[in-house]
Amino acid sequence: MIVAAQCRAARGLLDWSQDRLATAAGLNPDDVRAFERGEPRPGDRIAAAIRDAFVAAGVEFLDGATPGVRMKPASDYIAPDDLSAANDD
């Protein structure tokens, strides 16, 4: 799903604080802090909410042998603030 290191790296890519991530994910900031510390093991709901918030912001997760993150190529991503009827596909 998502590991703590990916969460920290994705926040770094977006320059998001833990509080900003919590707001975007609809979580309590304490849930984000606990997730990043790896204690206790979060439920699937918390991990999914964190991942979904990052994906909506343009982060792509690399889940191979070495988990990582990167920004989606600009051609594959439209920032939420830039969505309009003109760019509907």
PDB file of N, CA and C in Angstrom:
ATOM      1  N   MET A   1       0.843  -1.192   0.000  1.00  0.00           N
ATOM      2  CA  MET A   1       0.000   0.000   0.000  1.00  0.00           C
ATOM      3  C   MET A   1       0.881   1.246   0.000  1.00  0.00           C
ATOM      4  N   ILE A   2       1.342   1.686   1.162  1.00  0.00           N
ATOM      5  CA  ILE A   2       2.248   2.830   1.286  1.00  0.00           C
ATOM      6  C   ILE A   2       3.039   2.629   2.580  1.00  0.00           C
ATOM      7  N   VAL A   3       4.308   2.954   2.549  1.00  0.00           N
ATOM      8  CA  VAL A   3       5.137   2.842   3.751  1.00  0.00           C
ATOM      9  C   VAL A   3       5.491   4.235   4.249  1.00  0.00           C
ATOM     10  N   ALA A   4       5.929   4.305   5.497  1.00  0.00           N
ATOM     11  CA  ALA A   4       6.226   5.588   6.135  1.00  0.00           C
ATOM     12  C   ALA A   4       7.238   6.414   5.342  1.00  0.00           C
ATOM     13  N   ALA A   5       8.269   5.763   4.814  1.00  0.00           N
ATOM     14  CA  ALA A   5       9.290   6.498   4.047  1.00  0.00           C
ATOM     15  C   ALA A   5       8.684   7.131   2.794  1.00  0.00           C
ATOM     16  N   GLN A   6       7.751   6.444   2.140  1.00  0.00           N
ATOM     17  CA  GLN A   6       7.084   7.019   0.972  1.00  0.00           C
ATOM     18  C   GLN A   6       6.249   8.231   1.383  1.00  0.00           C
ATOM     19  N   CYS A   7       5.617   8.142   2.519  1.00  0.00           N
ATOM     20  CA  CYS A   7       4.810   9.260   3.016  1.00  0.00           C
ATOM     21  C   CYS A   7       5.686  10.485   3.247  1.00  0.00           C
ATOM     22  N   ARG A   8       6.795  10.295   3.921  1.00  0.00           N
ATOM     23  CA  ARG A   8       7.702  11.427   4.192  1.00  0.00           C
ATOM     24  C   ARG A   8       8.263  11.995   2.890  1.00  0.00           C
ATOM     25  N   ALA A   9       8.619  11.110   1.949  1.00  0.00           N
ATOM     26  CA  ALA A   9       9.174  11.566   0.669  1.00  0.00           C
ATOM     27  C   ALA A   9       8.132  12.329  -0.135  1.00  0.00           C
ATOM     28  N   ALA A  10       6.910  11.842  -0.148  1.00  0.00           N
ATOM     29  CA  ALA A  10       5.842  12.523  -0.895  1.00  0.00           C
ATOM     30  C   ALA A  10       5.560  13.897  -0.286  1.00  0.00           C
ATOM     31  N   ARG A  11       5.572  13.979   1.033  1.00  0.00           N
ATOM     32  CA  ARG A  11       5.390  15.297   1.658  1.00  0.00           C
ATOM     33  C   ARG A  11       6.509  16.236   1.245  1.00  0.00           C
ATOM     34  N   GLY A  12       7.721  15.703   1.150  1.00  0.00           N
ATOM     35  CA  GLY A  12       8.855  16.519   0.725  1.00  0.00           C
ATOM     36  C   GLY A  12       8.691  17.019  -0.701  1.00  0.00           C
ATOM     37  N   LEU A  13       8.227  16.143  -1.586  1.00  0.00           N
ATOM     38  CA  LEU A  13       8.004  16.554  -2.980  1.00  0.00           C
ATOM     39  C   LEU A  13       7.008  17.702  -3.079  1.00  0.00           C
ATOM     40  N   LEU A  14       5.983  17.623  -2.250  1.00  0.00           N
ATOM     41  CA  LEU A  14       4.915  18.626  -2.301  1.00  0.00           C
ATOM     42  C   LEU A  14       5.148  19.800  -1.359  1.00  0.00           C
ATOM     43  N   ASP A  15       6.178  19.700  -0.512  1.00  0.00           N
ATOM     44  CA  ASP A  15       6.448  20.694   0.521  1.00  0.00           C
ATOM     45  C   ASP A  15       5.241  20.844   1.449  1.00  0.00           C
ATOM     46  N   TRP A  16       4.681  19.697   1.839  1.00  0.00           N
ATOM     47  CA  TRP A  16       3.533  19.658   2.743  1.00  0.00           C
ATOM     48  C   TRP A  16       3.996  19.338   4.153  1.00  0.00           C
ATOM     49  N   SER A  17       3.390  19.996   5.118  1.00  0.00           N
ATOM     50  CA  SER A  17       3.584  19.636   6.519  1.00  0.00           C
ATOM     51  C   SER A  17       2.695  18.437   6.837  1.00  0.00           C
ATOM     52  N   GLN A  18       2.901  17.857   7.997  1.00  0.00           N
ATOM     53  CA  GLN A  18       2.025  16.762   8.421  1.00  0.00           C
ATOM     54  C   GLN A  18       0.598  17.265   8.591  1.00  0.00           C
ATOM     55  N   ASP A  19       0.439  18.489   9.070  1.00  0.00           N
ATOM     56  CA  ASP A  19      -0.902  19.053   9.223  1.00  0.00           C
ATOM     57  C   ASP A  19      -1.585  19.249   7.869  1.00  0.00           C
ATOM     58  N   ARG A  20      -0.827  19.686   6.867  1.00  0.00           N
ATOM     59  CA  ARG A  20      -1.393  19.873   5.521  1.00  0.00           C
ATOM     60  C   ARG A  20      -1.838  18.535   4.949  1.00  0.00           C
ATOM     61  N   LEU A  21      -1.034  17.508   5.134  1.00  0.00           N
ATOM     62  CA  LEU A  21      -1.407  16.178   4.675  1.00  0.00           C
ATOM     63  C   LEU A  21      -2.667  15.703   5.384  1.00  0.00           C
ATOM     64  N   ALA A  22      -2.725  15.889   6.696  1.00  0.00           N
ATOM     65  CA  ALA A  22      -3.904  15.467   7.453  1.00  0.00           C
ATOM     66  C   ALA A  22      -5.160  16.133   6.914  1.00  0.00           C
ATOM     67  N   THR A  23      -5.084  17.419   6.619  1.00  0.00           N
ATOM     68  CA  THR A  23      -6.239  18.129   6.058  1.00  0.00           C
ATOM     69  C   THR A  23      -6.627  17.549   4.709  1.00  0.00           C
ATOM     70  N   ALA A  24      -5.647  17.338   3.835  1.00  0.00           N
ATOM     71  CA  ALA A  24      -5.925  16.800   2.502  1.00  0.00           C
ATOM     72  C   ALA A  24      -6.502  15.396   2.558  1.00  0.00           C
ATOM     73  N   ALA A  25      -6.084  14.620   3.563  1.00  0.00           N
ATOM     74  CA  ALA A  25      -6.528  13.229   3.682  1.00  0.00           C
ATOM     75  C   ALA A  25      -7.778  13.079   4.542  1.00  0.00           C
ATOM     76  N   GLY A  26      -8.219  14.164   5.168  1.00  0.00           N
ATOM     77  CA  GLY A  26      -9.376  14.087   6.045  1.00  0.00           C
ATOM     78  C   GLY A  26      -9.097  13.309   7.316  1.00  0.00           C
ATOM     79  N   LEU A  27      -7.859  13.439   7.815  1.00  0.00           N
ATOM     80  CA  LEU A  27      -7.434  12.706   9.002  1.00  0.00           C
ATOM     81  C   LEU A  27      -7.052  13.655  10.121  1.00  0.00           C
ATOM     82  N   ASN A  28      -6.910  13.112  11.306  1.00  0.00           N
ATOM     83  CA  ASN A  28      -6.377  13.839  12.429  1.00  0.00           C
ATOM     84  C   ASN A  28      -4.859  13.906  12.251  1.00  0.00           C
ATOM     85  N   PRO A  29      -4.222  15.052  12.517  1.00  0.00           N
ATOM     86  CA  PRO A  29      -2.759  15.128  12.380  1.00  0.00           C
ATOM     87  C   PRO A  29      -2.015  14.073  13.186  1.00  0.00           C
ATOM     88  N   ASP A  30      -2.574  13.651  14.311  1.00  0.00           N
ATOM     89  CA  ASP A  30      -1.931  12.602  15.104  1.00  0.00           C
ATOM     90  C   ASP A  30      -1.872  11.279  14.340  1.00  0.00           C
ATOM     91  N   ASP A  31      -2.866  11.020  13.472  1.00  0.00           N
ATOM     92  CA  ASP A  31      -2.847   9.807  12.650  1.00  0.00           C
ATOM     93  C   ASP A  31      -1.671   9.834  11.679  1.00  0.00           C
ATOM     94  N   VAL A  32      -1.405  11.002  11.098  1.00  0.00           N
ATOM     95  CA  VAL A  32      -0.291  11.137  10.155  1.00  0.00           C
ATOM     96  C   VAL A  32       1.036  10.962  10.885  1.00  0.00           C
ATOM     97  N   ARG A  33       1.168  11.603  12.033  1.00  0.00           N
ATOM     98  CA  ARG A  33       2.417  11.476  12.801  1.00  0.00           C
ATOM     99  C   ARG A  33       2.665  10.016  13.195  1.00  0.00           C
ATOM    100  N   ALA A  34       1.624   9.342  13.672  1.00  0.00           N
ATOM    101  CA  ALA A  34       1.763   7.935  14.070  1.00  0.00           C
ATOM    102  C   ALA A  34       2.120   7.070  12.862  1.00  0.00           C
ATOM    103  N   PHE A  35       1.509   7.348  11.714  1.00  0.00           N
ATOM    104  CA  PHE A  35       1.806   6.579  10.503  1.00  0.00           C
ATOM    105  C   PHE A  35       3.281   6.732  10.133  1.00  0.00           C
ATOM    106  N   GLU A  36       3.784   7.962  10.161  1.00  0.00           N
ATOM    107  CA  GLU A  36       5.175   8.201   9.774  1.00  0.00           C
ATOM    108  C   GLU A  36       6.173   7.622  10.779  1.00  0.00           C
ATOM    109  N   ARG A  37       5.771   7.477  12.020  1.00  0.00           N
ATOM    110  CA  ARG A  37       6.643   6.842  13.024  1.00  0.00           C
ATOM    111  C   ARG A  37       6.568   5.325  12.932  1.00  0.00           C
ATOM    112  N   GLY A  38       5.542   4.826  12.265  1.00  0.00           N
ATOM    113  CA  GLY A  38       5.369   3.389  12.149  1.00  0.00           C
ATOM    114  C   GLY A  38       4.753   2.760  13.382  1.00  0.00           C
ATOM    115  N   GLU A  39       4.114   3.583  14.202  1.00  0.00           N
ATOM    116  CA  GLU A  39       3.508   3.054  15.416  1.00  0.00           C
ATOM    117  C   GLU A  39       2.172   3.706  15.695  1.00  0.00           C
ATOM    118  N   PRO A  40       1.168   3.034  16.042  1.00  0.00           N
ATOM    119  CA  PRO A  40       1.029   1.607  15.764  1.00  0.00           C
ATOM    120  C   PRO A  40       0.727   1.410  14.288  1.00  0.00           C
ATOM    121  N   ARG A  41       0.711   0.195  13.855  1.00  0.00           N
ATOM    122  CA  ARG A  41       0.415  -0.087  12.448  1.00  0.00           C
ATOM    123  C   ARG A  41      -0.962   0.484  12.119  1.00  0.00           C
ATOM    124  N   PRO A  42      -1.034   1.398  11.152  1.00  0.00           N
ATOM    125  CA  PRO A  42      -2.331   2.027  10.854  1.00  0.00           C
ATOM    126  C   PRO A  42      -3.276   1.053  10.174  1.00  0.00           C
ATOM    127  N   GLY A  43      -4.541   1.356  10.290  1.00  0.00           N
ATOM    128  CA  GLY A  43      -5.530   0.577   9.563  1.00  0.00           C
ATOM    129  C   GLY A  43      -5.460   0.898   8.082  1.00  0.00           C
ATOM    130  N   ASP A  44      -6.065   0.053   7.279  1.00  0.00           N
ATOM    131  CA  ASP A  44      -6.083   0.268   5.834  1.00  0.00           C
ATOM    132  C   ASP A  44      -6.730   1.596   5.474  1.00  0.00           C
ATOM    133  N   ARG A  45      -7.714   2.031   6.255  1.00  0.00           N
ATOM    134  CA  ARG A  45      -8.414   3.289   5.968  1.00  0.00           C
ATOM    135  C   ARG A  45      -7.462   4.475   6.039  1.00  0.00           C
ATOM    136  N   ILE A  46      -6.608   4.507   7.044  1.00  0.00           N
ATOM    137  CA  ILE A  46      -5.668   5.624   7.203  1.00  0.00           C
ATOM    138  C   ILE A  46      -4.632   5.610   6.085  1.00  0.00           C
ATOM    139  N   ALA A  47      -4.048   4.463   5.809  1.00  0.00           N
ATOM    140  CA  ALA A  47      -3.050   4.369   4.738  1.00  0.00           C
ATOM    141  C   ALA A  47      -3.656   4.733   3.393  1.00  0.00           C
ATOM    142  N   ALA A  48      -4.881   4.275   3.135  1.00  0.00           N
ATOM    143  CA  ALA A  48      -5.540   4.584   1.860  1.00  0.00           C
ATOM    144  C   ALA A  48      -5.850   6.074   1.748  1.00  0.00           C
ATOM    145  N   ALA A  49      -6.275   6.698   2.830  1.00  0.00           N
ATOM    146  CA  ALA A  49      -6.579   8.132   2.809  1.00  0.00           C
ATOM    147  C   ALA A  49      -5.319   8.944   2.520  1.00  0.00           C
ATOM    148  N   ILE A  50      -4.208   8.545   3.120  1.00  0.00           N
ATOM    149  CA  ILE A  50      -2.939   9.248   2.882  1.00  0.00           C
ATOM    150  C   ILE A  50      -2.523   9.086   1.423  1.00  0.00           C
ATOM    151  N   ARG A  51      -2.549   7.862   0.945  1.00  0.00           N
ATOM    152  CA  ARG A  51      -2.161   7.606  -0.447  1.00  0.00           C
ATOM    153  C   ARG A  51      -3.068   8.376  -1.416  1.00  0.00           C
ATOM    154  N   ASP A  52      -4.368   8.339  -1.194  1.00  0.00           N
ATOM    155  CA  ASP A  52      -5.318   9.029  -2.072  1.00  0.00           C
ATOM    156  C   ASP A  52      -5.066  10.532  -2.114  1.00  0.00           C
ATOM    157  N   ALA A  53      -4.732  11.120  -0.967  1.00  0.00           N
ATOM    158  CA  ALA A  53      -4.447  12.563  -0.926  1.00  0.00           C
ATOM    159  C   ALA A  53      -3.226  12.893  -1.778  1.00  0.00           C
ATOM    160  N   PHE A  54      -2.205  12.058  -1.694  1.00  0.00           N
ATOM    161  CA  PHE A  54      -1.005  12.291  -2.491  1.00  0.00           C
ATOM    162  C   PHE A  54      -1.264  12.088  -3.980  1.00  0.00           C
ATOM    163  N   VAL A  55      -1.988  11.057  -4.330  1.00  0.00           N
ATOM    164  CA  VAL A  55      -2.291  10.788  -5.739  1.00  0.00           C
ATOM    165  C   VAL A  55      -3.087  11.957  -6.327  1.00  0.00           C
ATOM    166  N   ALA A  56      -4.041  12.487  -5.566  1.00  0.00           N
ATOM    167  CA  ALA A  56      -4.828  13.629  -6.033  1.00  0.00           C
ATOM    168  C   ALA A  56      -3.957  14.864  -6.256  1.00  0.00           C
ATOM    169  N   ALA A  57      -2.837  14.936  -5.541  1.00  0.00           N
ATOM    170  CA  ALA A  57      -1.920  16.072  -5.677  1.00  0.00           C
ATOM    171  C   ALA A  57      -0.851  15.842  -6.741  1.00  0.00           C
ATOM    172  N   GLY A  58      -0.877  14.673  -7.411  1.00  0.00           N
ATOM    173  CA  GLY A  58       0.051  14.430  -8.502  1.00  0.00           C
ATOM    174  C   GLY A  58       1.233  13.546  -8.180  1.00  0.00           C
ATOM    175  N   VAL A  59       1.214  12.877  -7.042  1.00  0.00           N
ATOM    176  CA  VAL A  59       2.307  11.985  -6.672  1.00  0.00           C
ATOM    177  C   VAL A  59       2.030  10.592  -7.237  1.00  0.00           C
ATOM    178  N   GLU A  60       3.072   9.968  -7.728  1.00  0.00           N
ATOM    179  CA  GLU A  60       2.990   8.605  -8.244  1.00  0.00           C
ATOM    180  C   GLU A  60       3.828   7.716  -7.328  1.00  0.00           C
ATOM    181  N   PHE A  61       3.274   6.584  -6.931  1.00  0.00           N
ATOM    182  CA  PHE A  61       3.974   5.667  -6.035  1.00  0.00           C
ATOM    183  C   PHE A  61       4.643   4.568  -6.821  1.00  0.00           C
ATOM    184  N   LEU A  62       5.885   4.275  -6.471  1.00  0.00           N
ATOM    185  CA  LEU A  62       6.667   3.207  -7.079  1.00  0.00           C
ATOM    186  C   LEU A  62       6.719   2.085  -6.061  1.00  0.00           C
ATOM    187  N   ASP A  63       6.033   0.993  -6.347  1.00  0.00           N
ATOM    188  CA  ASP A  63       5.871  -0.068  -5.361  1.00  0.00           C
ATOM    189  C   ASP A  63       6.668  -1.319  -5.692  1.00  0.00           C
ATOM    190  N   GLY A  64       7.761  -1.170  -6.396  1.00  0.00           N
ATOM    191  CA  GLY A  64       8.584  -2.324  -6.753  1.00  0.00           C
ATOM    192  C   GLY A  64       9.417  -2.797  -5.579  1.00  0.00           C
ATOM    193  N   ALA A  65      10.561  -3.381  -5.884  1.00  0.00           N
ATOM    194  CA  ALA A  65      11.452  -3.911  -4.851  1.00  0.00           C
ATOM    195  C   ALA A  65      11.946  -2.806  -3.920  1.00  0.00           C
ATOM    196  N   THR A  66      12.094  -1.598  -4.452  1.00  0.00           N
ATOM    197  CA  THR A  66      12.492  -0.445  -3.657  1.00  0.00           C
ATOM    198  C   THR A  66      11.384   0.594  -3.736  1.00  0.00           C
ATOM    199  N   PRO A  67      10.492   0.646  -2.747  1.00  0.00           N
ATOM    200  CA  PRO A  67       9.384   1.603  -2.794  1.00  0.00           C
ATOM    201  C   PRO A  67       9.900   3.032  -2.868  1.00  0.00           C
ATOM    202  N   GLY A  68       9.201   3.852  -3.636  1.00  0.00           N
ATOM    203  CA  GLY A  68       9.574   5.247  -3.769  1.00  0.00           C
ATOM    204  C   GLY A  68       8.393   6.075  -4.229  1.00  0.00           C
ATOM    205  N   VAL A  69       8.654   7.337  -4.534  1.00  0.00           N
ATOM    206  CA  VAL A  69       7.637   8.255  -5.039  1.00  0.00           C
ATOM    207  C   VAL A  69       8.258   9.163  -6.082  1.00  0.00           C
ATOM    208  N   ARG A  70       7.419   9.688  -6.943  1.00  0.00           N
ATOM    209  CA  ARG A  70       7.844  10.715  -7.895  1.00  0.00           C
ATOM    210  C   ARG A  70       6.591  11.482  -8.305  1.00  0.00           C
ATOM    211  N   MET A  71       6.804  12.629  -8.897  1.00  0.00           N
ATOM    212  CA  MET A  71       5.672  13.393  -9.418  1.00  0.00           C
ATOM    213  C   MET A  71       5.270  12.794 -10.757  1.00  0.00           C
ATOM    214  N   LYS A  72       3.973  12.755 -11.003  1.00  0.00           N
ATOM    215  CA  LYS A  72       3.492  12.291 -12.300  1.00  0.00           C
ATOM    216  C   LYS A  72       3.999  13.252 -13.366  1.00  0.00           C
ATOM    217  N   PRO A  73       4.271  12.747 -14.564  1.00  0.00           N
ATOM    218  CA  PRO A  73       4.662  13.654 -15.645  1.00  0.00           C
ATOM    219  C   PRO A  73       3.575  14.701 -15.862  1.00  0.00           C
ATOM    220  N   ALA A  74       3.975  15.900 -16.164  1.00  0.00           N
ATOM    221  CA  ALA A  74       3.026  17.002 -16.330  1.00  0.00           C
ATOM    222  C   ALA A  74       1.930  16.670 -17.339  1.00  0.00           C
ATOM    223  N   SER A  75       2.249  15.917 -18.368  1.00  0.00           N
ATOM    224  CA  SER A  75       1.250  15.586 -19.382  1.00  0.00           C
ATOM    225  C   SER A  75       0.179  14.646 -18.848  1.00  0.00           C
ATOM    226  N   ASP A  76       0.454  13.945 -17.737  1.00  0.00           N
ATOM    227  CA  ASP A  76      -0.499  13.002 -17.149  1.00  0.00           C
ATOM    228  C   ASP A  76      -1.268  13.586 -15.977  1.00  0.00           C
ATOM    229  N   TYR A  77      -1.022  14.826 -15.638  1.00  0.00           N
ATOM    230  CA  TYR A  77      -1.561  15.369 -14.410  1.00  0.00           C
ATOM    231  C   TYR A  77      -2.082  16.780 -14.619  1.00  0.00           C
ATOM    232  N   ILE A  78      -3.246  17.028 -14.078  1.00  0.00           N
ATOM    233  CA  ILE A  78      -3.812  18.375 -14.035  1.00  0.00           C
ATOM    234  C   ILE A  78      -4.074  18.685 -12.568  1.00  0.00           C
ATOM    235  N   ALA A  79      -3.489  19.746 -12.069  1.00  0.00           N
ATOM    236  CA  ALA A  79      -3.675  20.114 -10.671  1.00  0.00           C
ATOM    237  C   ALA A  79      -5.153  20.364 -10.400  1.00  0.00           C
ATOM    238  N   PRO A  80      -5.628  19.999  -9.217  1.00  0.00           N
ATOM    239  CA  PRO A  80      -7.047  20.193  -8.916  1.00  0.00           C
ATOM    240  C   PRO A  80      -7.532  21.619  -9.154  1.00  0.00           C
ATOM    241  N   ASP A  81      -6.713  22.605  -8.846  1.00  0.00           N
ATOM    242  CA  ASP A  81      -7.121  23.998  -9.055  1.00  0.00           C
ATOM    243  C   ASP A  81      -7.250  24.359 -10.534  1.00  0.00           C
ATOM    244  N   ASP A  82      -6.640  23.545 -11.419  1.00  0.00           N
ATOM    245  CA  ASP A  82      -6.675  23.835 -12.848  1.00  0.00           C
ATOM    246  C   ASP A  82      -7.766  23.060 -13.593  1.00  0.00           C
ATOM    247  N   LEU A  83      -8.532  22.246 -12.871  1.00  0.00           N
ATOM    248  CA  LEU A  83      -9.586  21.473 -13.532  1.00  0.00           C
ATOM    249  C   LEU A  83     -10.710  22.385 -13.990  1.00  0.00           C
ATOM    250  N   SER A  84     -11.192  22.129 -15.188  1.00  0.00           N
ATOM    251  CA  SER A  84     -12.320  22.887 -15.736  1.00  0.00           C
ATOM    252  C   SER A  84     -12.972  22.064 -16.841  1.00  0.00           C
ATOM    253  N   ALA A  85     -14.084  22.526 -17.337  1.00  0.00           N
ATOM    254  CA  ALA A  85     -14.758  21.842 -18.432  1.00  0.00           C
ATOM    255  C   ALA A  85     -13.873  21.819 -19.680  1.00  0.00           C
ATOM    256  N   ALA A  86     -12.979  22.779 -19.809  1.00  0.00           N
ATOM    257  CA  ALA A  86     -12.114  22.855 -20.988  1.00  0.00           C
ATOM    258  C   ALA A  86     -11.120  21.712 -21.055  1.00  0.00           C
ATOM    259  N   ASN A  87     -10.771  21.110 -19.905  1.00  0.00           N
ATOM    260  CA  ASN A  87      -9.792  20.025 -19.953  1.00  0.00           C
ATOM    261  C   ASN A  87     -10.403  18.672 -19.586  1.00  0.00           C
ATOM    262  N   ASP A  88     -11.720  18.561 -19.711  1.00  0.00           N
ATOM    263  CA  ASP A  88     -12.387  17.262 -19.519  1.00  0.00           C
ATOM    264  C   ASP A  88     -12.055  16.358 -20.697  1.00  0.00           C
ATOM    265  N   ASP A  89     -11.799  15.106 -20.412  1.00  0.00           N
ATOM    266  CA  ASP A  89     -11.564  14.118 -21.474  1.00  0.00           C
ATOM    267  C   ASP A  89     -12.628  13.063 -21.451  1.00  0.00           C
TER     268      ASP A  89
END
